């Protein structure tokens, strides 16, 4: 899943080397924390959150095999 998130996000940003994803597994939730450079946050979120919503949709769809709920957080 980390590779999927990185594959989607790296082409969107100006500084792909600063893209990192951390996985935090809890009881019923898996949280992925996406970190990008401060100047690239707007590119990842997109106008009215459209790109962020699309990335989350793909990640949630890929995680349907898991019995745990998946969350994606975007940080700078």
N, C-alpha and C. Protein backbone atom coordinates (compact mmCIF):
# COMPACT_ATOMS: atom_id res chain seq x y z
N UNK A 1 0.82 -1.19 0.00
CA UNK A 1 0.00 0.00 0.00
C UNK A 1 0.87 1.26 0.00
N UNK A 2 1.98 1.20 0.72
CA UNK A 2 2.88 2.36 0.76
C UNK A 2 3.41 2.65 -0.64
N UNK A 3 3.78 1.61 -1.37
CA UNK A 3 4.26 1.78 -2.74
C UNK A 3 3.20 2.37 -3.64
N UNK A 4 1.96 1.96 -3.46
CA UNK A 4 0.86 2.50 -4.26
C UNK A 4 0.69 3.99 -4.01
N UNK A 5 0.71 4.39 -2.77
CA UNK A 5 0.54 5.81 -2.43
C UNK A 5 1.70 6.63 -3.02
N UNK A 6 2.92 6.12 -2.87
CA UNK A 6 4.07 6.84 -3.41
C UNK A 6 4.00 6.93 -4.94
N UNK A 7 3.56 5.86 -5.59
CA UNK A 7 3.46 5.84 -7.04
C UNK A 7 2.45 6.87 -7.55
N UNK A 8 1.38 7.06 -6.80
CA UNK A 8 0.36 8.03 -7.20
C UNK A 8 0.83 9.46 -6.95
N UNK A 9 1.48 9.70 -5.82
CA UNK A 9 1.77 11.06 -5.39
C UNK A 9 3.05 11.64 -6.01
N UNK A 10 4.09 10.84 -6.18
CA UNK A 10 5.38 11.37 -6.65
C UNK A 10 5.29 12.12 -7.97
N UNK A 11 4.53 11.66 -8.97
CA UNK A 11 4.45 12.44 -10.22
C UNK A 11 3.72 13.78 -10.06
N UNK A 12 2.98 13.97 -8.99
CA UNK A 12 2.21 15.19 -8.79
C UNK A 12 3.03 16.33 -8.20
N UNK A 13 4.13 16.00 -7.54
CA UNK A 13 4.85 17.01 -6.76
C UNK A 13 6.14 17.45 -7.46
N UNK A 14 6.68 18.60 -7.04
CA UNK A 14 7.94 19.11 -7.58
C UNK A 14 9.15 18.46 -6.91
N UNK A 15 8.99 18.02 -5.68
CA UNK A 15 10.10 17.42 -4.94
C UNK A 15 9.75 15.98 -4.54
N UNK A 16 9.83 15.04 -5.48
CA UNK A 16 9.43 13.66 -5.17
C UNK A 16 10.33 12.96 -4.15
N UNK A 17 11.55 13.46 -3.98
CA UNK A 17 12.45 12.85 -3.01
C UNK A 17 11.99 13.08 -1.57
N UNK A 18 11.16 14.09 -1.35
CA UNK A 18 10.69 14.40 0.00
C UNK A 18 9.37 13.72 0.33
N UNK A 19 8.85 12.91 -0.58
CA UNK A 19 7.60 12.19 -0.33
C UNK A 19 7.91 10.97 0.53
N UNK A 20 7.20 10.83 1.63
CA UNK A 20 7.35 9.64 2.48
C UNK A 20 5.99 9.23 3.02
N UNK A 21 5.86 7.93 3.25
CA UNK A 21 4.61 7.39 3.77
C UNK A 21 4.95 6.50 4.96
N UNK A 22 4.26 6.73 6.06
CA UNK A 22 4.42 5.90 7.26
C UNK A 22 3.13 5.16 7.51
N UNK A 23 3.25 3.94 8.00
CA UNK A 23 2.08 3.11 8.29
C UNK A 23 1.97 2.92 9.80
N UNK A 24 0.78 3.17 10.33
CA UNK A 24 0.52 3.01 11.76
C UNK A 24 -0.66 2.05 11.90
N UNK A 25 -0.37 0.83 12.36
CA UNK A 25 -1.42 -0.20 12.49
C UNK A 25 -1.95 -0.17 13.91
N UNK A 26 -3.26 -0.01 14.02
CA UNK A 26 -3.92 -0.03 15.32
C UNK A 26 -4.93 -1.18 15.33
N UNK A 27 -5.78 -1.25 16.35
CA UNK A 27 -6.70 -2.38 16.49
C UNK A 27 -7.59 -2.56 15.26
N UNK A 28 -8.35 -1.53 14.91
CA UNK A 28 -9.31 -1.65 13.83
C UNK A 28 -9.01 -0.73 12.65
N UNK A 29 -7.89 0.01 12.73
CA UNK A 29 -7.60 1.03 11.73
C UNK A 29 -6.13 0.94 11.31
N UNK A 30 -5.88 1.13 10.03
CA UNK A 30 -4.53 1.31 9.52
C UNK A 30 -4.45 2.76 9.02
N UNK A 31 -3.54 3.54 9.59
CA UNK A 31 -3.39 4.94 9.23
C UNK A 31 -2.11 5.09 8.41
N UNK A 32 -2.25 5.66 7.22
CA UNK A 32 -1.09 5.98 6.39
C UNK A 32 -0.89 7.48 6.47
N UNK A 33 0.32 7.90 6.85
CA UNK A 33 0.63 9.32 6.95
C UNK A 33 1.54 9.70 5.79
N UNK A 34 1.00 10.47 4.88
CA UNK A 34 1.74 10.94 3.71
C UNK A 34 2.36 12.29 4.04
N UNK A 35 3.67 12.39 3.88
CA UNK A 35 4.38 13.63 4.15
C UNK A 35 5.02 14.11 2.85
N UNK A 36 4.75 15.37 2.51
CA UNK A 36 5.34 15.99 1.32
C UNK A 36 5.93 17.33 1.75
N UNK A 37 6.69 17.96 0.86
CA UNK A 37 7.26 19.26 1.20
C UNK A 37 6.13 20.28 1.32
N UNK A 38 6.42 21.31 2.06
CA UNK A 38 5.40 22.32 2.34
C UNK A 38 4.87 22.97 1.06
N UNK A 39 5.73 23.13 0.06
CA UNK A 39 5.31 23.77 -1.20
C UNK A 39 4.45 22.84 -2.07
N UNK A 40 4.47 21.54 -1.78
CA UNK A 40 3.73 20.58 -2.60
C UNK A 40 2.39 20.16 -2.00
N UNK A 41 2.08 20.62 -0.82
CA UNK A 41 0.83 20.22 -0.17
C UNK A 41 -0.38 20.59 -1.02
N UNK A 42 -0.39 21.79 -1.57
CA UNK A 42 -1.51 22.23 -2.39
C UNK A 42 -1.68 21.38 -3.63
N UNK A 43 -0.58 20.90 -4.20
CA UNK A 43 -0.66 20.05 -5.38
C UNK A 43 -1.25 18.69 -5.06
N UNK A 44 -0.95 18.19 -3.88
CA UNK A 44 -1.47 16.88 -3.47
C UNK A 44 -2.95 16.99 -3.09
N UNK A 45 -3.33 18.09 -2.49
CA UNK A 45 -4.73 18.27 -2.09
C UNK A 45 -5.58 18.64 -3.30
N UNK A 46 -5.09 19.52 -4.15
CA UNK A 46 -5.83 19.91 -5.35
C UNK A 46 -6.93 20.92 -5.05
N UNK A 47 -7.53 21.42 -6.12
CA UNK A 47 -8.62 22.38 -5.95
C UNK A 47 -9.81 21.71 -5.30
N UNK A 48 -10.28 22.30 -4.24
CA UNK A 48 -11.42 21.81 -3.47
C UNK A 48 -11.21 20.37 -3.00
N UNK A 49 -9.96 19.95 -2.86
CA UNK A 49 -9.65 18.62 -2.34
C UNK A 49 -9.88 17.48 -3.31
N UNK A 50 -9.97 17.78 -4.59
CA UNK A 50 -10.30 16.73 -5.57
C UNK A 50 -9.22 15.67 -5.70
N UNK A 51 -7.96 16.09 -5.74
CA UNK A 51 -6.87 15.12 -5.90
C UNK A 51 -6.76 14.27 -4.63
N UNK A 52 -6.83 14.89 -3.46
CA UNK A 52 -6.76 14.15 -2.21
C UNK A 52 -7.90 13.14 -2.13
N UNK A 53 -9.08 13.56 -2.53
CA UNK A 53 -10.24 12.66 -2.51
C UNK A 53 -10.03 11.48 -3.46
N UNK A 54 -9.46 11.74 -4.63
CA UNK A 54 -9.22 10.68 -5.61
C UNK A 54 -8.17 9.69 -5.09
N UNK A 55 -7.10 10.21 -4.49
CA UNK A 55 -6.06 9.34 -3.93
C UNK A 55 -6.64 8.49 -2.82
N UNK A 56 -7.43 9.10 -1.95
CA UNK A 56 -8.06 8.33 -0.87
C UNK A 56 -8.99 7.25 -1.41
N UNK A 57 -9.73 7.56 -2.45
CA UNK A 57 -10.64 6.58 -3.05
C UNK A 57 -9.87 5.37 -3.55
N UNK A 58 -8.76 5.59 -4.23
CA UNK A 58 -7.94 4.49 -4.74
C UNK A 58 -7.37 3.67 -3.59
N UNK A 59 -6.87 4.36 -2.57
CA UNK A 59 -6.28 3.65 -1.43
C UNK A 59 -7.34 2.84 -0.70
N UNK A 60 -8.51 3.41 -0.49
CA UNK A 60 -9.58 2.68 0.20
C UNK A 60 -10.02 1.48 -0.63
N UNK A 61 -10.10 1.64 -1.94
CA UNK A 61 -10.50 0.52 -2.79
C UNK A 61 -9.46 -0.60 -2.76
N UNK A 62 -8.20 -0.23 -2.75
CA UNK A 62 -7.15 -1.24 -2.68
C UNK A 62 -7.12 -1.94 -1.33
N UNK A 63 -7.63 -1.28 -0.30
CA UNK A 63 -7.62 -1.86 1.03
C UNK A 63 -8.87 -2.62 1.41
N UNK A 64 -9.76 -2.86 0.47
CA UNK A 64 -11.00 -3.56 0.79
C UNK A 64 -10.76 -5.01 1.19
N UNK A 65 -9.64 -5.57 0.81
CA UNK A 65 -9.33 -6.95 1.21
C UNK A 65 -9.03 -7.05 2.69
N UNK A 66 -8.57 -5.96 3.28
CA UNK A 66 -8.24 -5.94 4.70
C UNK A 66 -9.52 -5.80 5.53
N UNK A 67 -9.53 -6.43 6.68
CA UNK A 67 -10.69 -6.32 7.57
C UNK A 67 -10.63 -5.03 8.38
N UNK A 68 -9.52 -4.30 8.28
CA UNK A 68 -9.36 -3.07 9.03
C UNK A 68 -9.74 -1.86 8.17
N UNK A 69 -10.16 -0.81 8.82
CA UNK A 69 -10.48 0.45 8.13
C UNK A 69 -9.17 1.17 7.80
N UNK A 70 -9.14 1.86 6.68
CA UNK A 70 -7.94 2.53 6.25
C UNK A 70 -8.17 4.03 6.22
N UNK A 71 -7.18 4.78 6.71
CA UNK A 71 -7.22 6.25 6.69
C UNK A 71 -5.94 6.75 6.03
N UNK A 72 -6.05 7.86 5.31
CA UNK A 72 -4.89 8.51 4.71
C UNK A 72 -4.83 9.95 5.19
N UNK A 73 -3.73 10.29 5.86
CA UNK A 73 -3.53 11.65 6.33
C UNK A 73 -2.44 12.31 5.50
N UNK A 74 -2.63 13.57 5.16
CA UNK A 74 -1.65 14.30 4.37
C UNK A 74 -1.03 15.37 5.25
N UNK A 75 0.30 15.29 5.42
CA UNK A 75 1.03 16.23 6.27
C UNK A 75 2.10 16.96 5.46
N UNK A 76 2.55 18.09 6.00
CA UNK A 76 3.68 18.79 5.36
C UNK A 76 4.88 18.75 6.25
